[in-house]
Amino acid sequence: MWIFFILAFQVMLIVSWSSSGSLSGIADATVFRSVLSVFITAALLNFIKVTLDILLTFKAWGNMEWTQILRYLLKFFVGIAWIIILPVTYSSSIKSPSGAGKLLNSLTRNWYNQSVYNFAIVIYMIPNILAALLFLLPQLQNIMERSNWRAVILLMWWIQPRLYVARGMHEDILSIFKYVFFWVVLLTSKLAFSFYVEISPMIEPTKFILDQVVGNYEWHEIFPFLPHNLGVVITIWAPIVLVYFMDTQIWYAIFSTVFGGVSGALSHVGEIRTLGMLRVRFKSMPDAFRKCHVAAHKEVLYSQMF
């Protein structure tokens, strides 16, 4: 979730900083090429994540199987490979790079072209696409988790450790659809609010402050490399960034209340409000319990047996 928020913030900042300053600006080739740089950030963040996984589980390696240790090491080296491949291919796709991009482009000469970076992105996204496909198709994931085929076992070993608790017992597709719909609506509202209310209004003041060159300022002995009021920019953006990363809790409280109220109303929660109503409906409670719970439990057991 934190990786997603960082990448979304980078995309919104690039789009709002463009000449149009609106979401339609992403259709511009230059802006779209800049947006594609988020995959480099994603590779760097995933490498940090893998490194933290190794550091935080290193003391437990003595109790792990060698396949689990091998998985950690392979993910670490794959992460290193991606943080090298993606920047190199991205720099080769820029027509007039500068700085480090110019150096990388000179090293790669003309061997790479613009399509190589797009091809690298597709390869980089294959595990994520496969994981999303398995999440949206729980029946397929149940079959693959119980499969004994070596190819399937190897694939699942790379995506996730082998499960022994609740293996092959994922929710039905309707429940997953409701879950995904809830979070899509929540995150769409949160990102739209962040883009139009938090980030976009700050772009013009930030550009204006950066254009004001400061020739003589206090504390220049302590901060000698802060021209163009970078300290002021950091100060005004710090609360925006903090709110951006923390207001998801507010949006979750709002949407969980709304969705929970609608779900409760449709499920007739609170319909039995007195003991008299309870006595009237007491005779139908065993049949309702058997229909809703016992039948579903038998269905789960039957699917596990066969």
C-alpha atoms as a PDB file:
ATOM      1  CA  MET A   1       0.000   0.000   0.000  1.00  0.00           C
ATOM      2  CA  TRP A   2       2.812   2.433   0.819  1.00  0.00           C
ATOM      3  CA  ILE A   3       4.546   1.618  -2.467  1.00  0.00           C
ATOM      4  CA  PHE A   4       1.295   2.269  -4.323  1.00  0.00           C
ATOM      5  CA  PHE A   5       0.842   5.646  -2.614  1.00  0.00           C
ATOM      6  CA  ILE A   6       4.413   6.707  -3.431  1.00  0.00           C
ATOM      7  CA  LEU A   7       4.018   5.760  -7.093  1.00  0.00           C
ATOM      8  CA  ALA A   8       0.614   7.470  -7.317  1.00  0.00           C
ATOM      9  CA  PHE A   9       2.090  10.625  -5.761  1.00  0.00           C
ATOM     10  CA  GLN A  10       4.887  10.633  -8.330  1.00  0.00           C
ATOM     11  CA  VAL A  11       2.419  10.252 -11.218  1.00  0.00           C
ATOM     12  CA  MET A  12       0.142  13.039  -9.948  1.00  0.00           C
ATOM     13  CA  LEU A  13       3.110  15.331  -9.372  1.00  0.00           C
ATOM     14  CA  ILE A  14       4.426  14.757 -12.912  1.00  0.00           C
ATOM     15  CA  VAL A  15       1.014  15.304 -14.512  1.00  0.00           C
ATOM     16  CA  SER A  16       0.184  18.399 -12.464  1.00  0.00           C
ATOM     17  CA  TRP A  17       3.659  19.861 -13.158  1.00  0.00           C
ATOM     18  CA  SER A  18       3.123  19.592 -16.925  1.00  0.00           C
ATOM     19  CA  SER A  19       2.065  22.540 -19.054  1.00  0.00           C
ATOM     20  CA  SER A  20      -1.634  21.621 -19.036  1.00  0.00           C
ATOM     21  CA  GLY A  21      -1.730  20.702 -15.337  1.00  0.00           C
ATOM     22  CA  SER A  22      -4.726  18.381 -15.842  1.00  0.00           C
ATOM     23  CA  LEU A  23      -5.189  14.652 -16.244  1.00  0.00           C
ATOM     24  CA  SER A  24      -5.626  15.129 -20.002  1.00  0.00           C
ATOM     25  CA  GLY A  25      -1.951  16.109 -20.117  1.00  0.00           C
ATOM     26  CA  ILE A  26      -0.977  12.470 -19.725  1.00  0.00           C
ATOM     27  CA  ALA A  27      -1.899  12.014 -23.391  1.00  0.00           C
ATOM     28  CA  ASP A  28       1.131  14.128 -24.305  1.00  0.00           C
ATOM     29  CA  ALA A  29       4.055  11.949 -25.386  1.00  0.00           C
ATOM     30  CA  THR A  30       6.611  13.768 -23.220  1.00  0.00           C
ATOM     31  CA  VAL A  31       4.427  13.661 -20.111  1.00  0.00           C
ATOM     32  CA  PHE A  32       3.569  10.014 -20.699  1.00  0.00           C
ATOM     33  CA  ARG A  33       7.252   9.154 -21.057  1.00  0.00           C
ATOM     34  CA  SER A  34       7.933  10.919 -17.754  1.00  0.00           C
ATOM     35  CA  VAL A  35       5.061   9.008 -16.112  1.00  0.00           C
ATOM     36  CA  LEU A  36       6.620   5.734 -17.193  1.00  0.00           C
ATOM     37  CA  SER A  37       9.558   6.528 -14.913  1.00  0.00           C
ATOM     38  CA  VAL A  38       7.397   5.287 -12.012  1.00  0.00           C
ATOM     39  CA  PHE A  39       8.507   1.758 -12.868  1.00  0.00           C
ATOM     40  CA  ILE A  40      12.062   2.730 -11.977  1.00  0.00           C
ATOM     41  CA  THR A  41      10.781   3.998  -8.628  1.00  0.00           C
ATOM     42  CA  ALA A  42       8.790   0.792  -8.196  1.00  0.00           C
ATOM     43  CA  ALA A  43      11.900  -1.313  -8.846  1.00  0.00           C
ATOM     44  CA  LEU A  44      13.865   0.709  -6.278  1.00  0.00           C
ATOM     45  CA  LEU A  45      11.101   0.409  -3.664  1.00  0.00           C
ATOM     46  CA  ASN A  46      10.751  -3.330  -4.280  1.00  0.00           C
ATOM     47  CA  PHE A  47      14.512  -3.720  -3.850  1.00  0.00           C
ATOM     48  CA  ILE A  48      14.283  -1.877  -0.523  1.00  0.00           C
ATOM     49  CA  LYS A  49      11.389  -4.139   0.478  1.00  0.00           C
ATOM     50  CA  VAL A  50      13.326  -7.312  -0.371  1.00  0.00           C
ATOM     51  CA  THR A  51      16.374  -5.999   1.496  1.00  0.00           C
ATOM     52  CA  LEU A  52      14.267  -5.303   4.580  1.00  0.00           C
ATOM     53  CA  ASP A  53      12.742  -8.788   4.330  1.00  0.00           C
ATOM     54  CA  ILE A  54      16.223 -10.295   4.412  1.00  0.00           C
ATOM     55  CA  LEU A  55      17.437  -8.116   7.277  1.00  0.00           C
ATOM     56  CA  LEU A  56      14.345  -8.705   9.422  1.00  0.00           C
ATOM     57  CA  THR A  57      14.294 -12.480   8.892  1.00  0.00           C
ATOM     58  CA  PHE A  58      18.038 -13.123   8.907  1.00  0.00           C
ATOM     59  CA  LYS A  59      18.066 -14.508  12.465  1.00  0.00           C
ATOM     60  CA  ALA A  60      15.339 -16.986  11.505  1.00  0.00           C
ATOM     61  CA  TRP A  61      17.273 -18.443   8.558  1.00  0.00           C
ATOM     62  CA  GLY A  62      18.548 -21.247  10.771  1.00  0.00           C
ATOM     63  CA  ASN A  63      14.989 -22.587  11.091  1.00  0.00           C
ATOM     64  CA  MET A  64      14.098 -22.157   7.412  1.00  0.00           C
ATOM     65  CA  GLU A  65      14.309 -24.652   4.598  1.00  0.00           C
ATOM     66  CA  TRP A  66      16.970 -24.051   1.989  1.00  0.00           C
ATOM     67  CA  THR A  67      14.285 -23.334  -0.617  1.00  0.00           C
ATOM     68  CA  GLN A  68      13.012 -20.386   1.419  1.00  0.00           C
ATOM     69  CA  ILE A  69      16.520 -18.970   1.788  1.00  0.00           C
ATOM     70  CA  LEU A  70      17.082 -19.454  -1.940  1.00  0.00           C
ATOM     71  CA  ARG A  71      13.871 -17.558  -2.640  1.00  0.00           C
ATOM     72  CA  TYR A  72      15.035 -14.565  -0.573  1.00  0.00           C
ATOM     73  CA  LEU A  73      18.422 -14.511  -2.296  1.00  0.00           C
ATOM     74  CA  LEU A  74      16.971 -14.814  -5.792  1.00  0.00           C
ATOM     75  CA  LYS A  75      14.522 -11.988  -5.151  1.00  0.00           C
ATOM     76  CA  PHE A  76      17.413  -9.860  -3.869  1.00  0.00           C
ATOM     77  CA  PHE A  77      19.525 -10.403  -6.995  1.00  0.00           C
ATOM     78  CA  VAL A  78      16.524  -9.961  -9.287  1.00  0.00           C
ATOM     79  CA  GLY A  79      15.811  -6.665  -7.520  1.00  0.00           C
ATOM     80  CA  ILE A  80      19.405  -5.534  -8.168  1.00  0.00           C
ATOM     81  CA  ALA A  81      19.057  -6.506 -11.840  1.00  0.00           C
ATOM     82  CA  TRP A  82      15.869  -4.467 -12.269  1.00  0.00           C
ATOM     83  CA  ILE A  83      17.250  -1.294 -10.678  1.00  0.00           C
ATOM     84  CA  ILE A  84      20.038  -1.494 -13.278  1.00  0.00           C
ATOM     85  CA  ILE A  85      18.035  -2.584 -16.337  1.00  0.00           C
ATOM     86  CA  LEU A  86      15.131  -0.146 -16.050  1.00  0.00           C
ATOM     87  CA  PRO A  87      17.176   3.086 -15.639  1.00  0.00           C
ATOM     88  CA  VAL A  88      19.511   2.080 -18.491  1.00  0.00           C
ATOM     89  CA  THR A  89      16.688   1.275 -20.894  1.00  0.00           C
ATOM     90  CA  TYR A  90      14.757   4.387 -19.813  1.00  0.00           C
ATOM     91  CA  SER A  91      17.730   6.671 -20.451  1.00  0.00           C
ATOM     92  CA  SER A  92      18.152   5.175 -23.917  1.00  0.00           C
ATOM     93  CA  SER A  93      14.522   6.004 -24.741  1.00  0.00           C
ATOM     94  CA  ILE A  94      15.037   9.740 -24.063  1.00  0.00           C
ATOM     95  CA  LYS A  95      15.999  11.714 -27.153  1.00  0.00           C
ATOM     96  CA  SER A  96      18.104  14.355 -25.382  1.00  0.00           C
ATOM     97  CA  PRO A  97      19.128  13.076 -21.959  1.00  0.00           C
ATOM     98  CA  SER A  98      21.253  15.080 -19.573  1.00  0.00           C
ATOM     99  CA  GLY A  99      23.323  14.354 -16.494  1.00  0.00           C
ATOM    100  CA  ALA A 100      23.306  10.681 -15.464  1.00  0.00           C
ATOM    101  CA  GLY A 101      20.900   9.865 -18.296  1.00  0.00           C
ATOM    102  CA  LYS A 102      23.405  11.223 -20.833  1.00  0.00           C
ATOM    103  CA  LEU A 103      26.160   9.097 -19.309  1.00  0.00           C
ATOM    104  CA  LEU A 104      24.025   5.946 -19.392  1.00  0.00           C
ATOM    105  CA  ASN A 105      22.949   6.690 -22.937  1.00  0.00           C
ATOM    106  CA  SER A 106      26.554   7.081 -24.031  1.00  0.00           C
ATOM    107  CA  LEU A 107      27.460   3.773 -22.412  1.00  0.00           C
ATOM    108  CA  THR A 108      24.621   1.905 -24.106  1.00  0.00           C
ATOM    109  CA  ARG A 109      25.328   3.665 -27.451  1.00  0.00           C
ATOM    110  CA  ASN A 110      22.582   2.768 -29.934  1.00  0.00           C
ATOM    111  CA  TRP A 111      21.988  -0.801 -28.827  1.00  0.00           C
ATOM    112  CA  TYR A 112      18.805   0.081 -26.970  1.00  0.00           C
ATOM    113  CA  ASN A 113      15.850   1.988 -28.373  1.00  0.00           C
ATOM    114  CA  GLN A 114      12.573   3.264 -27.041  1.00  0.00           C
ATOM    115  CA  SER A 115      10.743  -0.050 -27.414  1.00  0.00           C
ATOM    116  CA  VAL A 116      13.262  -1.866 -25.208  1.00  0.00           C
ATOM    117  CA  TYR A 117      12.097   0.025 -22.130  1.00  0.00           C
ATOM    118  CA  ASN A 118       8.469  -0.809 -22.900  1.00  0.00           C
ATOM    119  CA  PHE A 119       9.440  -4.462 -23.340  1.00  0.00           C
ATOM    120  CA  ALA A 120      11.308  -4.371 -20.017  1.00  0.00           C
ATOM    121  CA  ILE A 121       8.214  -2.929 -18.335  1.00  0.00           C
ATOM    122  CA  VAL A 122       6.080  -5.796 -19.667  1.00  0.00           C
ATOM    123  CA  ILE A 123       8.528  -8.398 -18.338  1.00  0.00           C
ATOM    124  CA  TYR A 124       8.779  -6.580 -14.997  1.00  0.00           C
ATOM    125  CA  MET A 125       4.978  -6.532 -14.627  1.00  0.00           C
ATOM    126  CA  ILE A 126       4.391 -10.227 -15.430  1.00  0.00           C
ATOM    127  CA  PRO A 127       4.584 -11.430 -11.768  1.00  0.00           C
ATOM    128  CA  ASN A 128       2.252  -8.626 -10.647  1.00  0.00           C
ATOM    129  CA  ILE A 129      -0.211  -9.361 -13.445  1.00  0.00           C
ATOM    130  CA  LEU A 130      -0.158 -13.065 -12.573  1.00  0.00           C
ATOM    131  CA  ALA A 131      -0.698 -12.321  -8.868  1.00  0.00           C
ATOM    132  CA  ALA A 132      -3.638 -10.033  -9.698  1.00  0.00           C
ATOM    133  CA  LEU A 133      -5.104 -12.704 -11.991  1.00  0.00           C
ATOM    134  CA  LEU A 134      -4.903 -15.331  -9.269  1.00  0.00           C
ATOM    135  CA  PHE A 135      -6.482 -12.926  -6.786  1.00  0.00           C
ATOM    136  CA  LEU A 136      -9.428 -12.175  -9.102  1.00  0.00           C
ATOM    137  CA  LEU A 137      -9.880 -15.871  -9.988  1.00  0.00           C
ATOM    138  CA  PRO A 138      -9.969 -17.642  -6.601  1.00  0.00           C
ATOM    139  CA  GLN A 139     -11.004 -20.981  -8.087  1.00  0.00           C
ATOM    140  CA  LEU A 140      -7.878 -21.013 -10.258  1.00  0.00           C
ATOM    141  CA  GLN A 141      -5.749 -20.123  -7.234  1.00  0.00           C
ATOM    142  CA  ASN A 142      -7.350 -22.918  -5.202  1.00  0.00           C
ATOM    143  CA  ILE A 143      -6.486 -25.413  -7.932  1.00  0.00           C
ATOM    144  CA  MET A 144      -2.902 -24.167  -8.266  1.00  0.00           C
ATOM    145  CA  GLU A 145      -2.301 -24.208  -4.497  1.00  0.00           C
ATOM    146  CA  ARG A 146      -3.416 -27.862  -4.307  1.00  0.00           C
ATOM    147  CA  SER A 147      -1.600 -28.900  -7.467  1.00  0.00           C
ATOM    148  CA  ASN A 148       1.410 -31.224  -7.364  1.00  0.00           C
ATOM    149  CA  TRP A 149       2.751 -30.316 -10.818  1.00  0.00           C
ATOM    150  CA  ARG A 150       6.361 -29.212 -10.601  1.00  0.00           C
ATOM    151  CA  ALA A 151       5.853 -26.211 -12.896  1.00  0.00           C
ATOM    152  CA  VAL A 152       2.896 -24.988 -10.834  1.00  0.00           C
ATOM    153  CA  ILE A 153       4.746 -25.601  -7.559  1.00  0.00           C
ATOM    154  CA  LEU A 154       7.740 -23.609  -8.852  1.00  0.00           C
ATOM    155  CA  LEU A 155       5.481 -20.760  -9.979  1.00  0.00           C
ATOM    156  CA  MET A 156       3.603 -20.596  -6.685  1.00  0.00           C
ATOM    157  CA  TRP A 157       6.899 -20.860  -4.789  1.00  0.00           C
ATOM    158  CA  TRP A 158       8.083 -17.669  -6.480  1.00  0.00           C
ATOM    159  CA  ILE A 159       4.816 -15.780  -5.956  1.00  0.00           C
ATOM    160  CA  GLN A 160       4.156 -16.785  -2.351  1.00  0.00           C
ATOM    161  CA  PRO A 161       5.451 -19.308   0.225  1.00  0.00           C
ATOM    162  CA  ARG A 162       3.638 -22.637   0.250  1.00  0.00           C
ATOM    163  CA  LEU A 163       0.569 -22.410   2.485  1.00  0.00           C
ATOM    164  CA  TYR A 164      -0.457 -25.143   4.904  1.00  0.00           C
ATOM    165  CA  VAL A 165      -3.207 -23.249   6.736  1.00  0.00           C
ATOM    166  CA  ALA A 166      -6.294 -22.266   4.697  1.00  0.00           C
ATOM    167  CA  ARG A 167      -4.721 -23.572   1.495  1.00  0.00           C
ATOM    168  CA  GLY A 168      -7.274 -23.771  -1.279  1.00  0.00           C
ATOM    169  CA  MET A 169      -9.972 -22.082   0.823  1.00  0.00           C
ATOM    170  CA  HIS A 170     -10.183 -18.617  -0.734  1.00  0.00           C
ATOM    171  CA  GLU A 171     -13.374 -16.609  -0.892  1.00  0.00           C
ATOM    172  CA  ASP A 172     -15.802 -16.912  -3.782  1.00  0.00           C
ATOM    173  CA  ILE A 173     -15.507 -14.539  -6.727  1.00  0.00           C
ATOM    174  CA  LEU A 174     -18.552 -12.482  -5.692  1.00  0.00           C
ATOM    175  CA  SER A 175     -17.039 -11.659  -2.294  1.00  0.00           C
ATOM    176  CA  ILE A 176     -13.742 -10.728  -3.944  1.00  0.00           C
ATOM    177  CA  PHE A 177     -15.612  -8.516  -6.418  1.00  0.00           C
ATOM    178  CA  LYS A 178     -17.290  -6.670  -3.531  1.00  0.00           C
ATOM    179  CA  TYR A 179     -13.951  -6.280  -1.769  1.00  0.00           C
ATOM    180  CA  VAL A 180     -12.216  -4.977  -4.901  1.00  0.00           C
ATOM    181  CA  PHE A 181     -15.119  -2.638  -5.701  1.00  0.00           C
ATOM    182  CA  PHE A 182     -14.953  -1.148  -2.201  1.00  0.00           C
ATOM    183  CA  TRP A 183     -11.235  -0.394  -2.428  1.00  0.00           C
ATOM    184  CA  VAL A 184     -11.388   0.851  -6.024  1.00  0.00           C
ATOM    185  CA  VAL A 185     -14.078   3.381  -5.101  1.00  0.00           C
ATOM    186  CA  LEU A 186     -12.221   4.388  -1.933  1.00  0.00           C
ATOM    187  CA  LEU A 187      -8.820   4.828  -3.590  1.00  0.00           C
ATOM    188  CA  THR A 188     -10.307   6.596  -6.613  1.00  0.00           C
ATOM    189  CA  SER A 189     -12.004   9.134  -4.353  1.00  0.00           C
ATOM    190  CA  LYS A 190      -8.865   9.544  -2.246  1.00  0.00           C
ATOM    191  CA  LEU A 191      -6.568  10.059  -5.258  1.00  0.00           C
ATOM    192  CA  ALA A 192      -9.011  12.424  -6.987  1.00  0.00           C
ATOM    193  CA  PHE A 193      -9.247  14.534  -3.825  1.00  0.00           C
ATOM    194  CA  SER A 194      -5.459  14.514  -3.431  1.00  0.00           C
ATOM    195  CA  PHE A 195      -4.891  15.544  -7.045  1.00  0.00           C
ATOM    196  CA  TYR A 196      -7.466  18.338  -7.336  1.00  0.00           C
ATOM    197  CA  VAL A 197      -7.399  19.683  -3.765  1.00  0.00           C
ATOM    198  CA  GLU A 198      -3.935  18.967  -2.376  1.00  0.00           C
ATOM    199  CA  ILE A 199      -1.381  18.709  -5.203  1.00  0.00           C
ATOM    200  CA  SER A 200      -2.619  20.749  -8.179  1.00  0.00           C
ATOM    201  CA  PRO A 201      -3.252  24.006  -6.237  1.00  0.00           C
ATOM    202  CA  MET A 202       0.338  23.846  -4.921  1.00  0.00           C
ATOM    203  CA  ILE A 203       2.057  23.708  -8.324  1.00  0.00           C
ATOM    204  CA  GLU A 204       1.769  27.361  -9.351  1.00  0.00           C
ATOM    205  CA  PRO A 205       2.899  28.743  -5.952  1.00  0.00           C
ATOM    206  CA  THR A 206       5.795  26.286  -5.980  1.00  0.00           C
ATOM    207  CA  LYS A 207       6.915  27.374  -9.455  1.00  0.00           C
ATOM    208  CA  PHE A 208       6.646  31.022  -8.414  1.00  0.00           C
ATOM    209  CA  ILE A 209       8.751  30.440  -5.284  1.00  0.00           C
ATOM    210  CA  LEU A 210      11.391  28.520  -7.236  1.00  0.00           C
ATOM    211  CA  ASP A 211      11.670  31.365  -9.765  1.00  0.00           C
ATOM    212  CA  GLN A 212      12.516  33.824  -6.994  1.00  0.00           C
ATOM    213  CA  VAL A 213      16.293  33.584  -6.784  1.00  0.00           C
ATOM    214  CA  VAL A 214      17.631  34.428  -3.349  1.00  0.00           C
ATOM    215  CA  GLY A 215      20.943  36.232  -3.547  1.00  0.00           C
ATOM    216  CA  ASN A 216      21.581  36.672   0.154  1.00  0.00           C
ATOM    217  CA  TYR A 217      19.825  34.758   2.917  1.00  0.00           C
ATOM    218  CA  GLU A 218      20.422  33.942   6.549  1.00  0.00           C
ATOM    219  CA  TRP A 219      22.100  30.725   7.686  1.00  0.00           C
ATOM    220  CA  HIS A 220      23.910  30.428   4.360  1.00  0.00           C
ATOM    221  CA  GLU A 221      26.886  28.998   6.221  1.00  0.00           C
ATOM    222  CA  ILE A 222      24.728  26.065   7.433  1.00  0.00           C
ATOM    223  CA  PHE A 223      22.726  25.562   4.225  1.00  0.00           C
ATOM    224  CA  PRO A 224      24.972  26.801   1.412  1.00  0.00           C
ATOM    225  CA  PHE A 225      23.283  24.728  -1.297  1.00  0.00           C
ATOM    226  CA  LEU A 226      19.679  25.918  -1.003  1.00  0.00           C
ATOM    227  CA  PRO A 227      19.116  28.458  -3.786  1.00  0.00           C
ATOM    228  CA  HIS A 228      15.674  29.145  -5.254  1.00  0.00           C
ATOM    229  CA  ASN A 229      13.992  28.909  -1.813  1.00  0.00           C
ATOM    230  CA  LEU A 230      14.106  25.130  -1.665  1.00  0.00           C
ATOM    231  CA  GLY A 231      13.753  25.303   2.098  1.00  0.00           C
ATOM    232  CA  VAL A 232      10.464  27.190   1.720  1.00  0.00           C
ATOM    233  CA  VAL A 233       9.230  24.658  -0.832  1.00  0.00           C
ATOM    234  CA  ILE A 234      10.035  21.762   1.490  1.00  0.00           C
ATOM    235  CA  THR A 235       8.272  23.549   4.343  1.00  0.00           C
ATOM    236  CA  ILE A 236       5.016  24.158   2.462  1.00  0.00           C
ATOM    237  CA  TRP A 237       4.976  20.686   0.906  1.00  0.00           C
ATOM    238  CA  ALA A 238       5.683  18.746   4.122  1.00  0.00           C
ATOM    239  CA  PRO A 239       2.101  19.051   5.505  1.00  0.00           C
ATOM    240  CA  ILE A 240       0.650  18.176   2.079  1.00  0.00           C
ATOM    241  CA  VAL A 241       2.720  15.013   1.845  1.00  0.00           C
ATOM    242  CA  LEU A 242       1.869  14.073   5.435  1.00  0.00           C
ATOM    243  CA  VAL A 243      -1.867  14.507   4.833  1.00  0.00           C
ATOM    244  CA  TYR A 244      -1.623  12.632   1.534  1.00  0.00           C
ATOM    245  CA  PHE A 245      -0.204   9.535   3.218  1.00  0.00           C
ATOM    246  CA  MET A 246      -2.489   9.648   6.268  1.00  0.00           C
ATOM    247  CA  ASP A 247      -5.945  10.676   4.989  1.00  0.00           C
ATOM    248  CA  THR A 248      -6.663   7.141   3.757  1.00  0.00           C
ATOM    249  CA  GLN A 249      -7.837   6.377   7.302  1.00  0.00           C
ATOM    250  CA  ILE A 250     -10.440   9.152   7.012  1.00  0.00           C
ATOM    251  CA  TRP A 251     -11.649   7.909   3.634  1.00  0.00           C
ATOM    252  CA  TYR A 252     -11.802   4.356   4.999  1.00  0.00           C
ATOM    253  CA  ALA A 253     -13.919   5.485   7.961  1.00  0.00           C
ATOM    254  CA  ILE A 254     -16.333   7.297   5.621  1.00  0.00           C
ATOM    255  CA  PHE A 255     -16.710   4.511   3.090  1.00  0.00           C
ATOM    256  CA  SER A 256     -16.862   1.709   5.653  1.00  0.00           C
ATOM    257  CA  THR A 257     -19.712   3.581   7.353  1.00  0.00           C
ATOM    258  CA  VAL A 258     -21.594   4.069   4.085  1.00  0.00           C
ATOM    259  CA  PHE A 259     -21.029   0.558   2.738  1.00  0.00           C
ATOM    260  CA  GLY A 260     -21.673  -0.988   6.149  1.00  0.00           C
ATOM    261  CA  GLY A 261     -24.951   0.924   6.508  1.00  0.00           C
ATOM    262  CA  VAL A 262     -26.132  -0.143   3.059  1.00  0.00           C
ATOM    263  CA  SER A 263     -25.071  -3.753   3.662  1.00  0.00           C
ATOM    264  CA  GLY A 264     -26.801  -3.789   7.044  1.00  0.00           C
ATOM    265  CA  ALA A 265     -30.006  -2.364   5.575  1.00  0.00           C
ATOM    266  CA  LEU A 266     -30.031  -4.961   2.780  1.00  0.00           C
ATOM    267  CA  SER A 267     -29.319  -7.749   5.292  1.00  0.00           C
ATOM    268  CA  HIS A 268     -32.091  -6.499   7.630  1.00  0.00           C
ATOM    269  CA  VAL A 269     -29.629  -6.080  10.504  1.00  0.00           C
ATOM    270  CA  GLY A 270     -31.457  -4.743  13.549  1.00  0.00           C
ATOM    271  CA  GLU A 271     -34.851  -5.751  12.204  1.00  0.00           C
ATOM    272  CA  ILE A 272     -35.598  -7.778  15.351  1.00  0.00           C
ATOM    273  CA  ARG A 273     -35.689  -5.072  17.993  1.00  0.00           C
ATOM    274  CA  THR A 274     -37.921  -6.495  20.756  1.00  0.00           C
ATOM    275  CA  LEU A 275     -38.358  -9.786  22.614  1.00  0.00           C
ATOM    276  CA  GLY A 276     -41.825 -10.129  21.111  1.00  0.00           C
ATOM    277  CA  MET A 277     -40.443 -10.065  17.593  1.00  0.00           C
ATOM    278  CA  LEU A 278     -37.757 -12.555  18.680  1.00  0.00           C
ATOM    279  CA  ARG A 279     -40.379 -15.028  20.010  1.00  0.00           C
ATOM    280  CA  VAL A 280     -42.374 -14.754  16.780  1.00  0.00           C
ATOM    281  CA  ARG A 281     -39.337 -15.547  14.641  1.00  0.00           C
ATOM    282  CA  PHE A 282     -37.688 -18.022  17.014  1.00  0.00           C
ATOM    283  CA  LYS A 283     -39.147 -21.038  15.215  1.00  0.00           C
ATOM    284  CA  SER A 284     -37.578 -20.022  11.898  1.00  0.00           C
ATOM    285  CA  MET A 285     -34.087 -19.488  13.314  1.00  0.00           C
ATOM    286  CA  PRO A 286     -32.895 -23.173  13.178  1.00  0.00           C
ATOM    287  CA  ASP A 287     -33.936 -23.489   9.533  1.00  0.00           C
ATOM    288  CA  ALA A 288     -32.198 -20.227   8.655  1.00  0.00           C
ATOM    289  CA  PHE A 289     -29.053 -21.348  10.480  1.00  0.00           C
ATOM    290  CA  ARG A 290     -29.035 -24.704   8.704  1.00  0.00           C
ATOM    291  CA  LYS A 291     -29.603 -23.078   5.318  1.00  0.00           C
ATOM    292  CA  CYS A 292     -26.987 -20.345   5.603  1.00  0.00           C
ATOM    293  CA  HIS A 293     -24.224 -21.999   7.624  1.00  0.00           C
ATOM    294  CA  VAL A 294     -24.370 -25.789   7.559  1.00  0.00           C
ATOM    295  CA  ALA A 295     -24.876 -26.018   3.799  1.00  0.00           C
ATOM    296  CA  ALA A 296     -21.952 -23.671   3.111  1.00  0.00           C
ATOM    297  CA  HIS A 297     -19.767 -25.651   5.546  1.00  0.00           C
ATOM    298  CA  LYS A 298     -20.616 -28.925   3.796  1.00  0.00           C
ATOM    299  CA  GLU A 299     -19.811 -27.356   0.442  1.00  0.00           C
ATOM    300  CA  VAL A 300     -16.338 -26.335   1.653  1.00  0.00           C
ATOM    301  CA  LEU A 301     -15.649 -29.821   3.017  1.00  0.00           C
ATOM    302  CA  TYR A 302     -16.856 -31.393  -0.218  1.00  0.00           C
ATOM    303  CA  SER A 303     -14.563 -29.190  -2.305  1.00  0.00           C
ATOM    304  CA  GLN A 304     -11.590 -30.094  -0.101  1.00  0.00           C
ATOM    305  CA  MET A 305     -12.279 -33.825  -0.398  1.00  0.00           C
ATOM    306  CA  PHE A 306     -12.624 -33.843  -4.174  1.00  0.00           C
END
